[in-house]
Amino acid sequence: MAEATRLWYLIRVSEKYGLEPRRFLTCFLDAWVRGKSSYNGMLIQCRRKTESEGAFLITQDQKVIAQLSLGEPLLKHLPDVDLECFPSVPTKKIEAPRTVDIQIKDIRSGIKCVNLKAKVVEKSITKGIFSKFGNHLTLSTATISDSTGSIKLPLWNSQIDMVSVGDTVEIENGRVRSFRGELQVSVGKNSKLKVLENRSK
C-alpha cells in the first residue's frame, strides 16, 4: 500500500467514525512514540516498531477497525499533512461485492460473498494462535455440508461455542477465501452466523 493510499485510507476512516482527521492522524505519531494513543473511543496501538516503520492496530470497543504499517518519514509528516490534497470521495465508485444464495457445490473462487445453509458435520479441536500483531486468538475449523457437498468454516473466538456437530447453521454474507489451496467460507465482521437447528433440541 503506497504512502498516499495509506493516508487516504486513514482520512476515510476518520470520516466514517466522525473523527477530526488531523487529530486522528496525529494519534499515530503519538502511538509510535508512546506505544498507544486514543481519540474519541478509538484506540491506536503500535504493535511493532523498528527504526524505519511502525505496525498499527486500530480498535473501537475491542473491535478491530484496521491494521496497517506506516513508515517513519510519513509518521513525522502526519501533523502537517495537507488534507486538501485528499478528497473525501474516491473518483471511482467502489461497488460492494454481490452476495448470492448458493449451494456448496457451486462455490468457486470467483464468488466473494455467499448466503448458505448447511449442517455441521465435523469440528476440530480448538487451538490457540497468535496473529502477526501479537493478539492471542482461538480457532476451530468446522466442516459444513449440504446435499451437494462440504466446505471448511473457520470459527474464531466466541464463534467456536456457538455451534456444535449436528447443528444446522445459516451464514449470511460469508466470505469465500482460499487457504492452502482449499476454498473456505469465513464469517467476518460484516457476516452473520446463526444456528437454525440445535442438535440438543
Protein backbone atom coordinates (compact mmCIF):
# COMPACT_ATOMS: atom_id res chain seq x y z
CA MET A 1 0.00 0.00 0.00
CA ALA A 2 1.57 3.29 -1.13
CA GLU A 3 2.01 6.10 1.37
CA ALA A 4 -0.62 8.29 -0.31
CA THR A 5 -3.09 5.40 -0.29
CA ARG A 6 -2.48 4.81 3.42
CA LEU A 7 -3.12 8.48 4.13
CA TRP A 8 -6.30 8.49 2.07
CA TYR A 9 -7.47 5.34 3.85
CA LEU A 10 -6.88 6.82 7.31
CA ILE A 11 -8.72 10.01 6.36
CA ARG A 12 -11.65 7.89 5.17
CA VAL A 13 -11.63 6.01 8.50
CA SER A 14 -11.72 9.30 10.40
CA GLU A 15 -14.69 10.49 8.32
CA LYS A 16 -16.56 7.20 8.73
CA TYR A 17 -16.28 7.35 12.53
CA GLY A 18 -16.87 11.09 12.88
CA LEU A 19 -13.30 12.00 13.90
CA GLU A 20 -11.42 15.20 13.14
CA PRO A 21 -8.88 13.95 10.53
CA ARG A 22 -5.82 15.92 11.63
CA ARG A 23 -6.24 14.98 15.29
CA PHE A 24 -6.78 11.33 14.29
CA LEU A 25 -3.62 11.31 12.16
CA THR A 26 -1.58 12.89 14.96
CA CYS A 27 -2.56 9.95 17.20
CA PHE A 28 -0.37 7.65 15.07
CA LEU A 29 2.76 9.68 15.73
CA ASP A 30 1.83 9.73 19.42
CA ALA A 31 1.33 5.94 19.41
CA TRP A 32 4.64 5.44 17.60
CA VAL A 33 6.41 7.37 20.37
CA ARG A 34 4.42 6.16 23.40
CA GLY A 35 3.08 2.79 22.27
CA LYS A 36 -0.57 3.78 22.14
CA SER A 37 -2.93 6.70 21.79
CA SER A 38 -6.70 7.20 21.89
CA TYR A 39 -9.23 9.62 20.50
CA ASN A 40 -12.99 9.64 20.95
CA GLY A 41 -13.25 5.92 21.77
CA MET A 42 -10.76 4.87 19.10
CA LEU A 43 -7.58 3.15 20.35
CA ILE A 44 -4.44 3.25 18.21
CA GLN A 45 -1.68 0.85 19.28
CA CYS A 46 1.81 0.48 17.86
CA ARG A 47 2.18 -3.31 17.93
CA ARG A 48 5.58 -3.49 16.28
CA LYS A 49 8.22 -0.78 15.89
CA THR A 50 11.52 -0.54 14.07
CA GLU A 51 13.74 2.42 13.28
CA SER A 52 12.03 2.86 9.92
CA GLU A 53 8.35 1.98 10.48
CA GLY A 54 5.58 1.03 12.89
CA ALA A 55 2.74 -1.51 12.61
CA PHE A 56 -0.50 -0.13 14.00
CA LEU A 57 -3.73 -1.68 15.21
CA ILE A 58 -6.88 0.48 15.34
CA THR A 59 -9.72 -0.75 17.57
CA GLN A 60 -13.00 0.57 18.95
CA ASP A 61 -14.66 -1.25 21.87
CA GLN A 62 -12.23 -4.16 21.27
CA LYS A 63 -13.43 -4.43 17.65
CA VAL A 64 -10.64 -4.29 15.08
CA ILE A 65 -11.15 -1.38 12.68
CA ALA A 66 -7.90 -1.59 10.72
CA GLN A 67 -4.29 -2.77 10.75
CA LEU A 68 -1.54 -1.13 8.72
CA SER A 69 2.13 -0.14 8.68
CA LEU A 70 3.41 3.43 8.42
CA GLY A 71 6.97 4.49 7.64
CA GLU A 72 8.87 6.84 9.92
CA PRO A 73 9.03 9.73 7.36
CA LEU A 74 5.26 9.60 6.90
CA LEU A 75 4.63 9.39 10.65
CA LYS A 76 6.64 12.54 11.29
CA HIS A 77 4.80 14.28 8.44
CA LEU A 78 1.28 13.37 9.63
CA PRO A 79 0.63 16.51 11.75
CA ASP A 80 1.42 18.70 8.71
CA VAL A 81 -0.46 16.76 6.00
CA ASP A 82 -2.32 18.98 3.54
CA LEU A 83 -5.80 17.50 3.86
CA GLU A 84 -6.99 19.43 0.81
CA CYS A 85 -4.93 17.06 -1.35
CA PHE A 86 -7.04 14.08 -0.26
CA PRO A 87 -10.66 14.27 -1.49
CA SER A 88 -13.14 12.59 0.82
CA VAL A 89 -14.91 10.82 -2.04
CA PRO A 90 -13.00 8.45 -4.35
CA THR A 91 -13.09 9.35 -8.05
CA LYS A 92 -14.30 5.86 -8.97
CA LYS A 93 -17.26 4.34 -7.19
CA ILE A 94 -16.36 1.12 -5.41
CA GLU A 95 -19.17 -1.39 -5.54
CA ALA A 96 -19.73 -3.82 -2.69
CA PRO A 97 -19.32 -7.50 -3.61
CA ARG A 98 -22.64 -9.05 -4.62
CA THR A 99 -23.92 -11.67 -2.19
CA VAL A 100 -25.60 -14.76 -3.65
CA ASP A 101 -27.69 -17.58 -2.18
CA ILE A 102 -25.81 -20.72 -3.05
CA GLN A 103 -25.29 -24.45 -2.58
CA ILE A 104 -21.87 -25.67 -1.56
CA LYS A 105 -21.18 -27.44 -4.89
CA ASP A 106 -21.48 -24.07 -6.67
CA ILE A 107 -18.96 -22.20 -4.50
CA ARG A 108 -15.90 -21.22 -6.52
CA SER A 109 -13.07 -18.70 -6.24
CA GLY A 110 -14.78 -16.10 -8.44
CA ILE A 111 -17.60 -15.70 -5.88
CA LYS A 112 -16.73 -13.37 -2.99
CA CYS A 113 -19.81 -13.35 -0.72
CA VAL A 114 -22.40 -16.08 -0.18
CA ASN A 115 -25.53 -16.94 1.79
CA LEU A 116 -25.92 -20.63 2.58
CA LYS A 117 -27.46 -23.17 4.94
CA ALA A 118 -25.59 -26.30 5.95
CA LYS A 119 -25.10 -28.87 8.69
CA VAL A 120 -22.00 -29.01 10.88
CA VAL A 121 -20.56 -32.50 10.35
CA GLU A 122 -17.14 -32.04 11.92
CA LYS A 123 -15.35 -29.64 14.24
CA SER A 124 -11.64 -29.63 15.02
CA ILE A 125 -10.06 -29.30 18.45
CA THR A 126 -9.74 -25.65 19.49
CA LYS A 127 -6.21 -24.31 19.34
CA GLY A 128 -4.61 -21.03 20.33
CA ILE A 129 -2.65 -18.98 17.82
CA PHE A 130 -1.04 -15.54 17.72
CA SER A 131 -1.79 -13.04 14.97
CA LYS A 132 1.04 -11.16 13.28
CA PHE A 133 0.25 -8.27 15.64
CA GLY A 134 0.69 -10.43 18.74
CA ASN A 135 -3.01 -10.91 19.58
CA HIS A 136 -3.95 -14.27 21.08
CA LEU A 137 -6.78 -15.91 19.14
CA THR A 138 -8.58 -19.25 19.37
CA LEU A 139 -9.50 -21.23 16.26
CA SER A 140 -11.57 -24.29 15.48
CA THR A 141 -12.21 -25.36 11.90
CA ALA A 142 -15.65 -26.84 11.24
CA THR A 143 -16.72 -28.80 8.18
CA ILE A 144 -20.23 -27.93 7.00
CA SER A 145 -22.23 -29.93 4.49
CA ASP A 146 -25.44 -29.73 2.46
CA SER A 147 -26.90 -32.20 -0.05
CA THR A 148 -24.41 -31.06 -2.70
CA GLY A 149 -21.05 -31.08 -0.94
CA SER A 150 -18.97 -29.83 2.00
CA ILE A 151 -16.64 -26.94 2.80
CA LYS A 152 -14.50 -25.73 5.71
CA LEU A 153 -15.74 -22.99 8.04
CA PRO A 154 -13.11 -21.38 10.33
CA LEU A 155 -14.58 -20.43 13.72
CA TRP A 156 -12.79 -17.74 15.74
CA ASN A 157 -13.02 -16.95 19.47
CA SER A 158 -16.69 -16.61 20.54
CA GLN A 159 -17.93 -18.24 17.31
CA ILE A 160 -16.49 -21.57 18.47
CA ASP A 161 -19.02 -22.08 21.29
CA MET A 162 -21.95 -21.02 19.09
CA VAL A 163 -22.09 -24.24 17.07
CA SER A 164 -21.72 -27.98 17.65
CA VAL A 165 -21.52 -31.01 15.40
CA GLY A 166 -25.05 -31.79 14.22
CA ASP A 167 -26.25 -28.18 14.22
CA THR A 168 -27.79 -26.65 11.11
CA VAL A 169 -26.38 -23.19 10.54
CA GLU A 170 -27.16 -20.27 8.28
CA ILE A 171 -24.41 -17.98 7.04
CA GLU A 172 -25.24 -14.55 5.67
CA ASN A 173 -22.66 -12.62 3.65
CA GLY A 174 -19.98 -15.25 4.23
CA ARG A 175 -16.63 -14.54 2.59
CA VAL A 176 -15.20 -17.12 0.19
CA ARG A 177 -11.44 -17.44 0.63
CA SER A 178 -8.70 -19.85 -0.36
CA PHE A 179 -6.45 -21.23 2.39
CA ARG A 180 -3.60 -23.55 1.42
CA GLY A 181 -5.27 -24.15 -1.92
CA GLU A 182 -8.65 -25.05 -0.42
CA LEU A 183 -11.77 -22.87 -0.55
CA GLN A 184 -13.34 -21.89 2.78
CA VAL A 185 -16.30 -19.81 3.88
CA SER A 186 -15.41 -17.40 6.67
CA VAL A 187 -17.64 -15.32 8.95
CA GLY A 188 -16.20 -11.81 9.21
CA LYS A 189 -17.34 -8.57 10.79
CA ASN A 190 -19.91 -7.99 8.02
CA SER A 191 -21.21 -11.57 8.11
CA LYS A 192 -23.80 -13.32 10.28
CA LEU A 193 -23.72 -16.85 11.66
CA LYS A 194 -26.99 -18.25 13.02
CA VAL A 195 -27.88 -21.69 14.39
CA LEU A 196 -31.20 -22.75 12.86
CA GLU A 197 -31.42 -26.21 14.41
CA ASN A 198 -29.52 -27.19 17.51
CA ARG A 199 -28.54 -30.84 17.92
CA SER A 200 -29.68 -30.77 21.57
CA LYS A 201 -33.25 -29.92 20.61
